[in-house]
Every structure is written in structure tokens, then in C-alpha cells.
Amino acid sequence: VLLLMFFFNLCENAIVELNDSKIKRLTEEHRRGKQLKKLLEKPNRLVMRNLISRAIMIIIFSVVSTVYFFKPLKNLFAGLCGVGSDNQAANLGLGFFSLLLIICVSAIFITVFGMNLPKRLCSGGKLSEGFILNTCGIYRIFLNFFLPLEAIASGITTALLKLSIIGLSWTSLEDSLEPASPEATASPLEMTFL
């Protein structure tokens, strides 16, 4: 998952680093330039799919690392501290510490290999145009897997923006929903006694 995130961000950053004149030249001079042009036709959709793919990969990496490392790490700390399985409070604390450690180490790996390294490799045009042309087709195909999620996320975003454009805000929406009876103003706990 981390290598896939590295590749995704490498492709994204390499494309972002291209200026308009390079893009025009690559699309005119190279056969694979048409794939690059197609990829860049709708930049908002490209950004949305990148965000969705990155979020999914971060979630997958976090879940897998937690599932794989939590129990061994907790058992290691319990053995080092001499905590038996009957001491629930200590085991809970060691479990929390293990989870916190997994989160921190995962964040470091995700940041270094999934974000910073690809960005630095692409800054200043360090990657060749050949890399961009050779990978944009694979990148585009992989991004198409996220098309349904991109459509749903875009639809939700558009709906929320339309709500704010027509003058509705969450507070004015709540204010417009006046309660019909005194029971409606009661909290859920009070309602059980009414």
C-alpha cells in the first residue's frame, strides 16, 4: 500500500510540476502525450480522485498496520513490564500505548514515503518527461477505479455548496425547524419520562 501511495503521489507531483508549455510540447511530440492530455482535461476530477485514492490508501495502511502490529506490540510491552493477562487496567494502558505508537510510526511512514519523498523527487523537474509519459497511462487507468467514489463525493460537495449558495446555513436550517410541541424540545433523556 505504501509503495502504491508512493507511486500515486510521484505521478501526481510529476504532472503538477509540468508547466503549460511542456504539456503542450509533450502532447504534440509524443504518442503517449495524448494520454497525458486526456488525464489533464478535467483537473478538478483529477484532484478529487487523487484525494480519494490517498485517503483510501492511508486508511488501508493504518488498519493493516494496526491489525498486524497491535497484539505483538502489546504482548511485547506486557512481557517487558511483567504485566499478566489478569491485570486489566495495565493491559488497557499498554494497549492504548501500543495503538498510539502504531499511529505515530504509521504517520511518519505515510508522510515520508507517501508524501514528502515523491514531492521532493519531483520538485524542480528532477523526474524526466519520459517517466511522466511512461506512467500517465497506468496512472489514469488506476485513477478510473475511483471514478464512482469521485462522482459521489462531487455530488455531495455540490449539494452542500448549493445549500450555502441559496442562503441556508446549518444554524438557519436548525432555527427554521421550530418544535411543534413541548415534548419536541425535551432532551432524549427527558422524553423517556414524559
Protein backbone atom coordinates (compact mmCIF):
# COMPACT_ATOMS: atom_id res chain seq x y z
CA VAL A 1 0.00 0.00 0.00
CA LEU A 2 2.83 2.38 0.86
CA LEU A 3 4.54 1.70 -2.48
CA LEU A 4 1.27 2.31 -4.29
CA MET A 5 0.82 5.60 -2.43
CA PHE A 6 4.41 6.50 -3.31
CA PHE A 7 3.74 5.79 -7.00
CA PHE A 8 0.46 7.72 -6.98
CA ASN A 9 1.97 10.79 -5.38
CA LEU A 10 5.04 10.57 -7.60
CA CYS A 11 2.84 10.62 -10.71
CA GLU A 12 0.64 13.40 -9.33
CA ASN A 13 3.57 15.61 -8.33
CA ALA A 14 5.40 14.98 -11.60
CA ILE A 15 2.34 16.11 -13.57
CA VAL A 16 1.81 19.13 -11.33
CA GLU A 17 5.42 20.20 -11.88
CA LEU A 18 4.87 20.41 -15.65
CA ASN A 19 4.20 23.89 -16.97
CA ASP A 20 1.74 24.57 -19.77
CA SER A 21 4.39 24.86 -22.48
CA LYS A 22 5.91 21.47 -21.55
CA ILE A 23 2.47 19.87 -21.51
CA LYS A 24 1.70 21.31 -24.94
CA ARG A 25 5.04 20.15 -26.33
CA LEU A 26 4.70 16.64 -24.87
CA THR A 27 1.17 16.22 -26.21
CA GLU A 28 2.23 17.34 -29.68
CA GLU A 29 5.55 15.47 -29.96
CA HIS A 30 4.85 12.12 -28.28
CA ARG A 31 2.40 9.35 -28.94
CA ARG A 32 1.74 8.94 -25.21
CA GLY A 33 1.17 12.67 -24.91
CA LYS A 34 -2.47 12.06 -25.81
CA GLN A 35 -2.87 10.05 -22.59
CA LEU A 36 -1.34 12.91 -20.64
CA LYS A 37 -3.68 15.38 -22.33
CA LYS A 38 -6.67 13.18 -21.54
CA LEU A 39 -5.55 12.93 -17.93
CA LEU A 40 -5.34 16.72 -17.62
CA GLU A 41 -8.63 17.52 -19.38
CA LYS A 42 -10.57 17.78 -16.12
CA PRO A 43 -8.17 18.91 -13.40
CA ASN A 44 -10.84 19.11 -10.67
CA ARG A 45 -11.76 15.48 -11.20
CA LEU A 46 -8.07 14.53 -11.19
CA VAL A 47 -7.56 16.27 -7.85
CA MET A 48 -10.69 14.69 -6.36
CA ARG A 49 -9.66 11.18 -7.42
CA ASN A 50 -6.15 11.75 -6.07
CA LEU A 51 -7.58 12.84 -2.71
CA ILE A 52 -9.92 9.86 -2.56
CA SER A 53 -7.21 7.39 -3.52
CA ARG A 54 -4.81 8.89 -0.98
CA ALA A 55 -7.44 8.76 1.78
CA ILE A 56 -8.26 5.12 0.99
CA MET A 57 -4.60 4.12 0.94
CA ILE A 58 -3.93 5.90 4.24
CA ILE A 59 -6.90 4.14 5.83
CA ILE A 60 -5.82 0.74 4.47
CA PHE A 61 -2.22 1.26 5.64
CA SER A 62 -3.40 2.33 9.10
CA VAL A 63 -5.81 -0.57 9.51
CA VAL A 64 -3.35 -3.19 8.26
CA SER A 65 -0.51 -1.89 10.44
CA THR A 66 -2.80 -1.81 13.48
CA VAL A 67 -4.15 -5.31 12.88
CA TYR A 68 -0.71 -6.72 12.19
CA PHE A 69 1.31 -4.97 14.92
CA PHE A 70 -1.13 -4.27 17.78
CA LYS A 71 -1.22 -7.64 19.55
CA PRO A 72 2.52 -8.46 19.18
CA LEU A 73 3.47 -4.97 20.34
CA LYS A 74 1.09 -5.06 23.31
CA ASN A 75 2.36 -8.52 24.29
CA LEU A 76 5.96 -7.32 23.99
CA PHE A 77 5.29 -4.37 26.30
CA ALA A 78 3.36 -6.60 28.72
CA GLY A 79 6.31 -9.02 28.83
CA LEU A 80 8.82 -6.20 29.34
CA CYS A 81 6.73 -4.69 32.12
CA GLY A 82 5.81 -8.04 33.71
CA VAL A 83 2.09 -7.44 33.33
CA GLY A 84 -0.10 -10.54 33.41
CA SER A 85 -3.29 -11.02 31.44
CA ASP A 86 -5.33 -10.69 34.65
CA ASN A 87 -4.33 -7.02 35.16
CA GLN A 88 -6.98 -5.34 33.01
CA ALA A 89 -6.05 -1.74 33.82
CA ALA A 90 -2.39 -2.25 32.93
CA ASN A 91 -3.32 -4.16 29.75
CA LEU A 92 -5.68 -1.38 28.75
CA GLY A 93 -2.90 1.18 29.26
CA LEU A 94 -0.40 -0.94 27.32
CA GLY A 95 -2.97 -1.39 24.54
CA PHE A 96 -3.51 2.35 24.36
CA PHE A 97 0.26 2.96 24.31
CA SER A 98 0.73 0.33 21.58
CA LEU A 99 -2.01 1.91 19.48
CA LEU A 100 -0.52 5.37 19.95
CA LEU A 101 2.90 4.09 18.91
CA ILE A 102 1.45 2.41 15.80
CA ILE A 103 -0.37 5.64 14.86
CA CYS A 104 2.80 7.73 15.24
CA VAL A 105 5.03 5.32 13.31
CA SER A 106 2.37 4.97 10.58
CA ALA A 107 2.11 8.75 10.31
CA ILE A 108 5.88 9.01 9.88
CA PHE A 109 5.98 6.29 7.18
CA ILE A 110 2.98 7.77 5.34
CA THR A 111 4.44 11.27 5.45
CA VAL A 112 7.95 10.28 4.39
CA PHE A 113 7.25 7.61 1.76
CA GLY A 114 3.77 8.57 0.68
CA MET A 115 4.09 12.35 0.51
CA ASN A 116 7.44 14.03 1.12
CA LEU A 117 9.74 11.75 -0.88
CA PRO A 118 7.58 11.84 -4.05
CA LYS A 119 7.23 15.60 -3.76
CA ARG A 120 10.97 16.15 -3.36
CA LEU A 121 11.79 13.80 -6.22
CA CYS A 122 9.54 15.86 -8.49
CA SER A 123 10.49 19.34 -7.34
CA GLY A 124 12.46 21.29 -9.88
CA GLY A 125 11.79 18.77 -12.65
CA LYS A 126 14.09 16.07 -11.27
CA LEU A 127 11.99 13.37 -12.89
CA SER A 128 12.29 13.07 -16.61
CA GLU A 129 9.49 13.70 -19.03
CA GLY A 130 9.90 10.06 -20.02
CA PHE A 131 8.73 8.97 -16.57
CA ILE A 132 5.61 11.09 -16.92
CA LEU A 133 4.84 9.81 -20.40
CA ASN A 134 5.51 6.18 -19.46
CA THR A 135 3.38 6.21 -16.33
CA CYS A 136 0.46 8.51 -17.17
CA GLY A 137 -1.48 5.68 -18.84
CA ILE A 138 -1.15 3.36 -15.84
CA TYR A 139 -1.90 6.26 -13.53
CA ARG A 140 -5.05 7.17 -15.48
CA ILE A 141 -6.28 3.57 -15.51
CA PHE A 142 -5.76 3.25 -11.77
CA LEU A 143 -7.50 6.58 -11.12
CA ASN A 144 -10.53 5.32 -13.05
CA PHE A 145 -11.13 2.75 -10.29
CA PHE A 146 -12.04 5.70 -8.07
CA LEU A 147 -14.49 7.22 -10.55
CA PRO A 148 -17.63 6.07 -8.67
CA LEU A 149 -16.33 7.46 -5.37
CA GLU A 150 -15.33 10.70 -7.08
CA ALA A 151 -18.84 11.05 -8.51
CA ILE A 152 -20.43 10.51 -5.09
CA ALA A 153 -18.02 12.91 -3.34
CA SER A 154 -18.53 15.55 -6.04
CA GLY A 155 -22.31 15.18 -5.79
CA ILE A 156 -22.27 15.60 -2.00
CA THR A 157 -19.92 18.59 -2.28
CA THR A 158 -22.12 20.22 -4.92
CA ALA A 159 -25.24 19.66 -2.84
CA LEU A 160 -23.61 21.20 0.24
CA LEU A 161 -22.39 24.17 -1.77
CA LYS A 162 -25.86 24.71 -3.25
CA LEU A 163 -27.30 24.76 0.25
CA SER A 164 -24.90 27.51 1.24
CA ILE A 165 -25.46 29.44 -2.04
CA ILE A 166 -29.23 29.67 -1.63
CA GLY A 167 -28.79 31.19 1.78
CA LEU A 168 -29.19 28.18 4.01
CA SER A 169 -26.66 27.56 6.67
CA TRP A 170 -26.74 24.81 9.23
CA THR A 171 -27.73 27.23 12.01
CA SER A 172 -30.51 28.89 9.98
CA LEU A 173 -31.74 25.43 8.95
CA GLU A 174 -31.93 24.38 12.61
CA ASP A 175 -33.67 27.65 13.54
CA SER A 176 -36.31 27.16 10.85
CA LEU A 177 -37.32 23.80 12.29
CA GLU A 178 -39.50 25.01 15.15
CA PRO A 179 -40.66 22.32 17.55
CA ALA A 180 -44.35 21.51 17.32
CA SER A 181 -44.88 20.60 20.98
CA PRO A 182 -43.13 20.87 24.36
CA GLU A 183 -42.16 17.21 24.04
CA ALA A 184 -40.15 18.08 20.93
CA THR A 185 -37.98 20.49 22.96
CA ALA A 186 -37.20 17.85 25.56
CA SER A 187 -33.91 16.06 25.53
CA PRO A 188 -33.94 12.32 24.74
CA LEU A 189 -33.44 11.59 28.45
CA GLU A 190 -36.40 13.82 29.44
CA MET A 191 -38.56 12.26 26.74
CA THR A 192 -38.33 8.86 28.42
CA PHE A 193 -40.09 10.35 31.45
CA LEU A 194 -42.84 12.21 29.54
